[in-house]
């Protein structure tokens, strides 16, 4: 998972900080915020799932996929990808 960052490096309005502190220990807020930003960056297609996994320090496939599933970041399967797969199947079949 992402290395710990100091909460002081993230400027939060007091009411936001207080709301988060009601659910999370202060030491976990920065990590939570970093993960939330990375998740949103994937959703907005700013970065790939692979880049997100690298940024968050995932070393094994299972924990990475568990994280993505928990945040509903599923692999996108486009029509273009389906067409490529069908062409590959046709090629293999001869």
Foldseek 3Di string as FASTA:
>chain_A
DADFDQPVVDDDDPVVLVVVVVPDPNSCPRVVVVLVVLLVCCVVVVDDLVVSCVNRVPDDDVVSVVSCVVSVNDDDQDPVNVVVVVVVVVVVVD
